[in-house]
């Protein structure tokens, strides 16, 4: 089983996600015909994936200004 892709975590992964460790979708750079093929996949242990999802949702729900250069975590 692969190791968790989250920084400084050496646990075995139990989940596969298309969210990078920074909470964004990252294109594979290859020509793809579907969403499934278009984005890189990352391996996470449950604890790291839960933490990543909390960070993503807190950023999405934030009422602060949306004028930064970051795209939405689910932007395609």
N, C-alpha and C. Protein backbone atom coordinates (compact mmCIF):
# COMPACT_ATOMS: atom_id res chain seq x y z
N UNK A 1 0.85 -1.19 0.00
CA UNK A 1 0.00 0.00 0.00
C UNK A 1 0.89 1.25 0.00
N UNK A 2 0.54 2.26 -0.80
CA UNK A 2 1.34 3.49 -0.89
C UNK A 2 1.36 4.27 0.44
N UNK A 3 2.34 5.15 0.54
CA UNK A 3 2.48 6.02 1.70
C UNK A 3 1.69 7.31 1.45
N UNK A 4 1.18 7.91 2.51
CA UNK A 4 0.43 9.17 2.44
C UNK A 4 1.28 10.26 1.78
N UNK A 5 0.67 11.01 0.85
CA UNK A 5 1.37 12.08 0.14
C UNK A 5 1.41 13.39 0.91
N UNK A 6 0.77 13.46 2.07
CA UNK A 6 0.77 14.69 2.85
C UNK A 6 2.15 14.89 3.46
N UNK A 7 2.60 16.14 3.47
CA UNK A 7 3.93 16.48 3.95
C UNK A 7 4.19 15.96 5.36
N UNK A 8 5.34 15.36 5.57
CA UNK A 8 5.78 14.87 6.87
C UNK A 8 4.91 13.76 7.46
N UNK A 9 4.17 13.05 6.62
CA UNK A 9 3.37 11.92 7.10
C UNK A 9 3.93 10.65 6.47
N UNK A 10 4.20 9.68 7.27
CA UNK A 10 4.74 8.43 6.76
C UNK A 10 3.77 7.27 6.89
N UNK A 11 2.50 7.58 7.21
CA UNK A 11 1.50 6.52 7.39
C UNK A 11 1.10 5.91 6.05
N UNK A 12 0.57 4.70 6.11
CA UNK A 12 0.05 4.07 4.91
C UNK A 12 -1.22 4.77 4.49
N UNK A 13 -1.39 4.95 3.19
CA UNK A 13 -2.58 5.64 2.69
C UNK A 13 -3.75 4.68 2.66
N UNK A 14 -4.94 5.25 2.82
CA UNK A 14 -6.16 4.45 2.74
C UNK A 14 -7.16 5.08 1.78
N UNK A 15 -6.86 6.30 1.28
CA UNK A 15 -7.76 7.03 0.39
C UNK A 15 -7.00 7.57 -0.81
N UNK A 16 -7.68 7.64 -1.94
CA UNK A 16 -7.14 8.27 -3.14
C UNK A 16 -8.00 9.49 -3.42
N UNK A 17 -7.35 10.64 -3.65
CA UNK A 17 -8.07 11.90 -3.86
C UNK A 17 -7.44 12.66 -5.02
N UNK A 18 -8.21 13.55 -5.62
CA UNK A 18 -7.68 14.40 -6.67
C UNK A 18 -7.27 15.77 -6.11
N UNK A 19 -7.44 15.98 -4.82
CA UNK A 19 -6.97 17.22 -4.20
C UNK A 19 -5.50 17.07 -3.83
N UNK A 20 -4.71 18.05 -4.25
CA UNK A 20 -3.29 18.02 -3.91
C UNK A 20 -3.12 18.30 -2.42
N UNK A 21 -1.96 18.07 -1.87
CA UNK A 21 -1.72 18.40 -0.46
C UNK A 21 -1.94 19.88 -0.14
N UNK A 22 -1.99 20.74 -1.15
CA UNK A 22 -2.28 22.16 -0.93
C UNK A 22 -3.75 22.48 -1.11
N UNK A 23 -4.57 21.48 -1.43
CA UNK A 23 -6.01 21.68 -1.52
C UNK A 23 -6.52 22.16 -2.86
N UNK A 24 -5.77 21.90 -3.93
CA UNK A 24 -6.19 22.30 -5.27
C UNK A 24 -6.13 21.11 -6.21
N UNK A 25 -6.94 21.15 -7.26
CA UNK A 25 -6.84 20.15 -8.30
C UNK A 25 -5.65 20.52 -9.18
N UNK A 26 -4.84 19.53 -9.50
CA UNK A 26 -3.65 19.78 -10.30
C UNK A 26 -3.74 18.95 -11.57
N UNK A 27 -3.68 19.64 -12.70
CA UNK A 27 -3.77 18.96 -13.99
C UNK A 27 -2.57 18.06 -14.21
N UNK A 28 -2.82 16.96 -14.84
CA UNK A 28 -1.73 16.01 -15.13
C UNK A 28 -0.86 16.49 -16.29
N UNK A 29 -1.37 17.45 -17.06
CA UNK A 29 -0.61 17.97 -18.19
C UNK A 29 -0.73 17.12 -19.44
N UNK A 30 -1.44 16.01 -19.33
CA UNK A 30 -1.63 15.13 -20.48
C UNK A 30 -2.98 15.41 -21.11
N UNK A 31 -3.11 15.10 -22.38
CA UNK A 31 -4.42 15.22 -23.01
C UNK A 31 -5.33 14.18 -22.38
N UNK A 32 -6.49 14.62 -21.96
CA UNK A 32 -7.42 13.71 -21.30
C UNK A 32 -8.82 13.91 -21.85
N UNK A 33 -9.57 12.87 -21.83
CA UNK A 33 -10.93 12.92 -22.37
C UNK A 33 -11.99 12.98 -21.28
N UNK A 34 -11.58 12.89 -20.01
CA UNK A 34 -12.55 12.94 -18.92
C UNK A 34 -11.89 13.52 -17.68
N UNK A 35 -12.72 13.92 -16.73
CA UNK A 35 -12.22 14.43 -15.45
C UNK A 35 -11.33 13.39 -14.79
N UNK A 36 -11.74 12.15 -14.86
CA UNK A 36 -10.99 11.06 -14.22
C UNK A 36 -9.56 11.00 -14.73
N UNK A 37 -9.37 11.25 -16.01
CA UNK A 37 -8.04 11.18 -16.61
C UNK A 37 -7.26 12.48 -16.48
N UNK A 38 -7.94 13.60 -16.26
CA UNK A 38 -7.30 14.91 -16.39
C UNK A 38 -6.47 15.33 -15.18
N UNK A 39 -6.72 14.81 -14.01
CA UNK A 39 -6.07 15.31 -12.81
C UNK A 39 -5.28 14.24 -12.09
N UNK A 40 -4.18 14.68 -11.51
CA UNK A 40 -3.32 13.78 -10.76
C UNK A 40 -4.08 13.22 -9.56
N UNK A 41 -3.65 12.06 -9.13
CA UNK A 41 -4.26 11.42 -7.97
C UNK A 41 -3.23 11.37 -6.84
N UNK A 42 -3.69 11.57 -5.62
CA UNK A 42 -2.83 11.57 -4.45
C UNK A 42 -3.34 10.54 -3.45
N UNK A 43 -2.44 9.99 -2.68
CA UNK A 43 -2.79 9.01 -1.65
C UNK A 43 -2.71 9.66 -0.28
N UNK A 44 -3.72 9.43 0.55
CA UNK A 44 -3.76 10.01 1.89
C UNK A 44 -4.20 8.98 2.91
N UNK A 45 -3.70 9.12 4.13
CA UNK A 45 -4.27 8.38 5.25
C UNK A 45 -5.55 9.13 5.65
N UNK A 46 -6.40 8.51 6.41
CA UNK A 46 -7.68 9.12 6.75
C UNK A 46 -7.49 10.43 7.51
N UNK A 47 -6.58 10.48 8.45
CA UNK A 47 -6.36 11.70 9.25
C UNK A 47 -5.94 12.89 8.41
N UNK A 48 -5.01 12.67 7.49
CA UNK A 48 -4.53 13.76 6.64
C UNK A 48 -5.60 14.20 5.65
N UNK A 49 -6.36 13.25 5.11
CA UNK A 49 -7.43 13.61 4.18
C UNK A 49 -8.50 14.42 4.90
N UNK A 50 -8.86 14.03 6.10
CA UNK A 50 -9.85 14.78 6.87
C UNK A 50 -9.37 16.20 7.14
N UNK A 51 -8.11 16.36 7.50
CA UNK A 51 -7.54 17.69 7.76
C UNK A 51 -7.54 18.53 6.50
N UNK A 52 -7.16 17.93 5.38
CA UNK A 52 -7.15 18.63 4.10
C UNK A 52 -8.56 19.11 3.73
N UNK A 53 -9.54 18.25 3.90
CA UNK A 53 -10.92 18.62 3.57
C UNK A 53 -11.43 19.74 4.48
N UNK A 54 -11.05 19.74 5.74
CA UNK A 54 -11.43 20.83 6.65
C UNK A 54 -10.86 22.15 6.16
N UNK A 55 -9.59 22.14 5.75
CA UNK A 55 -8.95 23.35 5.24
C UNK A 55 -9.63 23.86 3.96
N UNK A 56 -9.95 22.94 3.07
CA UNK A 56 -10.61 23.32 1.81
C UNK A 56 -11.96 23.94 2.09
N UNK A 57 -12.77 23.29 2.92
CA UNK A 57 -14.11 23.80 3.19
C UNK A 57 -14.09 25.09 3.98
N UNK A 58 -13.12 25.27 4.87
CA UNK A 58 -13.05 26.54 5.60
C UNK A 58 -12.68 27.67 4.65
N UNK A 59 -11.86 27.40 3.64
CA UNK A 59 -11.50 28.41 2.65
C UNK A 59 -12.70 28.73 1.77
N UNK A 60 -13.48 27.72 1.39
CA UNK A 60 -14.65 27.93 0.54
C UNK A 60 -15.72 28.72 1.29
N UNK A 61 -15.92 28.41 2.56
CA UNK A 61 -16.97 29.06 3.36
C UNK A 61 -16.56 30.43 3.87
N UNK A 62 -15.30 30.75 3.82
CA UNK A 62 -14.81 32.02 4.35
C UNK A 62 -15.54 33.20 3.72
N UNK A 63 -15.94 34.16 4.55
CA UNK A 63 -16.65 35.33 4.04
C UNK A 63 -15.68 36.46 3.68
N UNK A 64 -14.40 36.19 3.78
CA UNK A 64 -13.39 37.20 3.45
C UNK A 64 -13.42 37.54 1.98
N UNK A 65 -12.54 38.42 1.57
CA UNK A 65 -12.52 38.83 0.17
C UNK A 65 -12.11 37.66 -0.71
N UNK A 66 -12.64 37.60 -1.88
CA UNK A 66 -12.35 36.53 -2.82
C UNK A 66 -11.46 37.05 -3.95
N UNK A 67 -10.67 38.08 -3.66
CA UNK A 67 -9.85 38.72 -4.68
C UNK A 67 -8.45 38.14 -4.79
N UNK A 68 -8.19 37.03 -4.10
CA UNK A 68 -6.85 36.47 -4.20
C UNK A 68 -6.68 35.74 -5.53
N UNK A 69 -5.49 35.27 -5.80
CA UNK A 69 -5.19 34.63 -7.07
C UNK A 69 -5.51 33.15 -7.11
N UNK A 70 -6.05 32.61 -6.03
CA UNK A 70 -6.34 31.18 -5.98
C UNK A 70 -7.69 30.88 -6.60
N UNK A 71 -7.71 29.84 -7.41
CA UNK A 71 -8.97 29.39 -7.98
C UNK A 71 -9.69 28.52 -6.96
N UNK A 72 -10.96 28.29 -7.19
CA UNK A 72 -11.73 27.43 -6.29
C UNK A 72 -11.11 26.03 -6.28
N UNK A 73 -11.19 25.33 -5.16
CA UNK A 73 -10.59 24.00 -5.09
C UNK A 73 -11.14 23.03 -6.12
N UNK A 74 -12.34 23.29 -6.59
CA UNK A 74 -12.96 22.40 -7.56
C UNK A 74 -12.98 22.98 -8.97
N UNK A 75 -12.24 24.02 -9.21
CA UNK A 75 -12.21 24.63 -10.55
C UNK A 75 -11.65 23.63 -11.56
N UNK A 76 -12.28 23.59 -12.69
CA UNK A 76 -11.80 22.67 -13.74
C UNK A 76 -11.31 23.48 -14.91
